[in-house]
Amino acid sequence: MHCGSCARRITKVLDALEGVGEVSASAPDKTVRVRHDPALVSAAQLAGALAAAGYPATPRPT
């Protein structure tokens, strides 16, 4: 993620997934925080959606 446009695209990609409640993407920090229902969408599925959009990600628990 390099810029605000990247952050907006990432937010849009993740918001489209069932089970995602809130997305916060920060281009300067190169981080994305996602509130989601793990019964509906896993961290691996979130990372897969980002990778498919061209943004490889590594899930980290918080």
N, C-alpha and C. Protein backbone atom coordinates (compact mmCIF):
# COMPACT_ATOMS: atom_id res chain seq x y z
N MET A 1 0.86 -1.16 0.00
CA MET A 1 0.00 0.00 0.00
C MET A 1 0.91 1.22 0.00
N HIS A 2 0.67 2.09 -0.97
CA HIS A 2 1.55 3.24 -1.15
C HIS A 2 0.89 4.60 -0.92
N CYS A 3 -0.44 4.64 -1.06
CA CYS A 3 -1.10 5.95 -1.03
C CYS A 3 -2.54 5.81 -0.55
N GLY A 4 -3.20 6.94 -0.47
CA GLY A 4 -4.59 6.96 -0.06
C GLY A 4 -5.50 6.19 -0.99
N SER A 5 -5.19 6.19 -2.28
CA SER A 5 -5.99 5.42 -3.24
C SER A 5 -5.90 3.93 -2.94
N CYS A 6 -4.70 3.48 -2.58
CA CYS A 6 -4.51 2.07 -2.20
C CYS A 6 -5.35 1.75 -0.97
N ALA A 7 -5.30 2.62 0.02
CA ALA A 7 -6.06 2.40 1.26
C ALA A 7 -7.56 2.33 0.97
N ARG A 8 -8.05 3.19 0.10
CA ARG A 8 -9.48 3.18 -0.25
C ARG A 8 -9.84 1.89 -0.99
N ARG A 9 -8.96 1.43 -1.89
CA ARG A 9 -9.24 0.20 -2.63
C ARG A 9 -9.25 -1.00 -1.68
N ILE A 10 -8.29 -1.05 -0.78
CA ILE A 10 -8.25 -2.13 0.21
C ILE A 10 -9.52 -2.14 1.05
N THR A 11 -9.95 -0.97 1.49
CA THR A 11 -11.17 -0.86 2.28
C THR A 11 -12.36 -1.38 1.49
N LYS A 12 -12.45 -1.01 0.22
CA LYS A 12 -13.56 -1.45 -0.63
C LYS A 12 -13.55 -2.96 -0.81
N VAL A 13 -12.37 -3.53 -1.05
CA VAL A 13 -12.25 -4.98 -1.24
C VAL A 13 -12.73 -5.72 0.01
N LEU A 14 -12.27 -5.30 1.16
CA LEU A 14 -12.62 -5.99 2.39
C LEU A 14 -14.06 -5.74 2.81
N ASP A 15 -14.56 -4.53 2.61
CA ASP A 15 -15.96 -4.22 2.94
C ASP A 15 -16.93 -5.09 2.16
N ALA A 16 -16.53 -5.58 1.00
CA ALA A 16 -17.41 -6.38 0.16
C ALA A 16 -17.57 -7.81 0.68
N LEU A 17 -16.74 -8.21 1.63
CA LEU A 17 -16.79 -9.58 2.15
C LEU A 17 -17.82 -9.70 3.27
N GLU A 18 -18.61 -10.78 3.22
CA GLU A 18 -19.57 -11.04 4.28
C GLU A 18 -18.82 -11.31 5.57
N GLY A 19 -19.26 -10.70 6.63
CA GLY A 19 -18.64 -10.91 7.93
C GLY A 19 -17.68 -9.81 8.35
N VAL A 20 -17.39 -8.89 7.43
CA VAL A 20 -16.50 -7.77 7.75
C VAL A 20 -17.35 -6.63 8.30
N GLY A 21 -16.97 -6.14 9.48
CA GLY A 21 -17.74 -5.07 10.11
C GLY A 21 -17.11 -3.71 9.96
N GLU A 22 -15.79 -3.63 10.13
CA GLU A 22 -15.10 -2.34 10.07
C GLU A 22 -13.70 -2.55 9.51
N VAL A 23 -13.29 -1.63 8.63
CA VAL A 23 -11.95 -1.68 8.04
C VAL A 23 -11.29 -0.32 8.24
N SER A 24 -10.06 -0.34 8.69
CA SER A 24 -9.27 0.88 8.83
C SER A 24 -7.92 0.64 8.17
N ALA A 25 -7.68 1.29 7.04
CA ALA A 25 -6.43 1.13 6.30
C ALA A 25 -5.61 2.41 6.41
N SER A 26 -4.32 2.26 6.73
CA SER A 26 -3.41 3.40 6.86
C SER A 26 -2.24 3.25 5.90
N ALA A 27 -2.22 4.08 4.87
CA ALA A 27 -1.11 4.03 3.91
C ALA A 27 0.22 4.41 4.56
N PRO A 28 0.29 5.47 5.37
CA PRO A 28 1.58 5.82 5.98
C PRO A 28 2.16 4.70 6.86
N ASP A 29 1.26 4.00 7.58
CA ASP A 29 1.71 2.93 8.47
C ASP A 29 1.79 1.57 7.76
N LYS A 30 1.22 1.51 6.56
CA LYS A 30 1.14 0.26 5.79
C LYS A 30 0.47 -0.85 6.60
N THR A 31 -0.63 -0.48 7.27
CA THR A 31 -1.38 -1.44 8.07
C THR A 31 -2.87 -1.38 7.75
N VAL A 32 -3.54 -2.48 8.01
CA VAL A 32 -4.99 -2.56 7.87
C VAL A 32 -5.52 -3.27 9.11
N ARG A 33 -6.50 -2.67 9.75
CA ARG A 33 -7.17 -3.31 10.89
C ARG A 33 -8.59 -3.65 10.43
N VAL A 34 -9.00 -4.87 10.75
CA VAL A 34 -10.31 -5.35 10.31
C VAL A 34 -11.04 -5.97 11.49
N ARG A 35 -12.25 -5.50 11.72
CA ARG A 35 -13.15 -6.17 12.67
C ARG A 35 -14.02 -7.08 11.82
N HIS A 36 -14.00 -8.35 12.17
CA HIS A 36 -14.78 -9.30 11.39
C HIS A 36 -15.32 -10.41 12.27
N ASP A 37 -16.29 -11.12 11.74
CA ASP A 37 -16.87 -12.28 12.43
C ASP A 37 -16.14 -13.51 11.91
N PRO A 38 -15.28 -14.13 12.73
CA PRO A 38 -14.51 -15.27 12.25
C PRO A 38 -15.37 -16.48 11.88
N ALA A 39 -16.62 -16.49 12.30
CA ALA A 39 -17.53 -17.57 11.89
C ALA A 39 -17.93 -17.41 10.42
N LEU A 40 -17.79 -16.19 9.90
CA LEU A 40 -18.19 -15.92 8.51
C LEU A 40 -17.00 -15.73 7.57
N VAL A 41 -15.91 -15.18 8.07
CA VAL A 41 -14.74 -14.93 7.22
C VAL A 41 -13.49 -15.04 8.10
N SER A 42 -12.53 -15.84 7.64
CA SER A 42 -11.30 -16.05 8.42
C SER A 42 -10.24 -15.02 8.05
N ALA A 43 -9.23 -14.93 8.89
CA ALA A 43 -8.10 -14.05 8.60
C ALA A 43 -7.42 -14.47 7.30
N ALA A 44 -7.34 -15.77 7.06
CA ALA A 44 -6.74 -16.26 5.81
C ALA A 44 -7.56 -15.83 4.60
N GLN A 45 -8.88 -15.82 4.72
CA GLN A 45 -9.73 -15.36 3.62
C GLN A 45 -9.55 -13.86 3.38
N LEU A 46 -9.40 -13.10 4.45
CA LEU A 46 -9.16 -11.66 4.31
C LEU A 46 -7.84 -11.44 3.57
N ALA A 47 -6.80 -12.15 3.99
CA ALA A 47 -5.49 -12.02 3.35
C ALA A 47 -5.57 -12.46 1.89
N GLY A 48 -6.33 -13.50 1.60
CA GLY A 48 -6.49 -13.96 0.23
C GLY A 48 -7.17 -12.94 -0.65
N ALA A 49 -8.19 -12.27 -0.12
CA ALA A 49 -8.88 -11.22 -0.88
C ALA A 49 -7.94 -10.07 -1.18
N LEU A 50 -7.11 -9.71 -0.21
CA LEU A 50 -6.13 -8.64 -0.43
C LEU A 50 -5.09 -9.06 -1.47
N ALA A 51 -4.61 -10.28 -1.38
CA ALA A 51 -3.61 -10.77 -2.34
C ALA A 51 -4.19 -10.78 -3.75
N ALA A 52 -5.44 -11.20 -3.89
CA ALA A 52 -6.10 -11.21 -5.20
C ALA A 52 -6.23 -9.81 -5.78
N ALA A 53 -6.31 -8.81 -4.91
CA ALA A 53 -6.41 -7.41 -5.35
C ALA A 53 -5.04 -6.78 -5.57
N GLY A 54 -3.97 -7.57 -5.32
CA GLY A 54 -2.62 -7.06 -5.55
C GLY A 54 -1.94 -6.51 -4.31
N TYR A 55 -2.48 -6.83 -3.15
CA TYR A 55 -1.92 -6.34 -1.89
C TYR A 55 -1.63 -7.53 -0.96
N PRO A 56 -0.48 -8.17 -1.10
CA PRO A 56 -0.15 -9.30 -0.22
C PRO A 56 -0.20 -8.85 1.25
N ALA A 57 -0.72 -9.74 2.09
CA ALA A 57 -0.88 -9.39 3.51
C ALA A 57 -0.53 -10.58 4.39
N THR A 58 -0.09 -10.26 5.58
CA THR A 58 0.18 -11.27 6.60
C THR A 58 -0.68 -10.96 7.82
N PRO A 59 -1.64 -11.84 8.14
CA PRO A 59 -2.49 -11.58 9.30
C PRO A 59 -1.68 -11.59 10.60
N ARG A 60 -2.01 -10.65 11.48
CA ARG A 60 -1.41 -10.59 12.82
C ARG A 60 -2.54 -10.41 13.81
N PRO A 61 -2.61 -11.26 14.82
CA PRO A 61 -3.67 -11.08 15.83
C PRO A 61 -3.42 -9.81 16.64
N THR A 62 -4.51 -9.22 17.11
CA THR A 62 -4.39 -8.03 17.95
C THR A 62 -5.01 -8.26 19.29
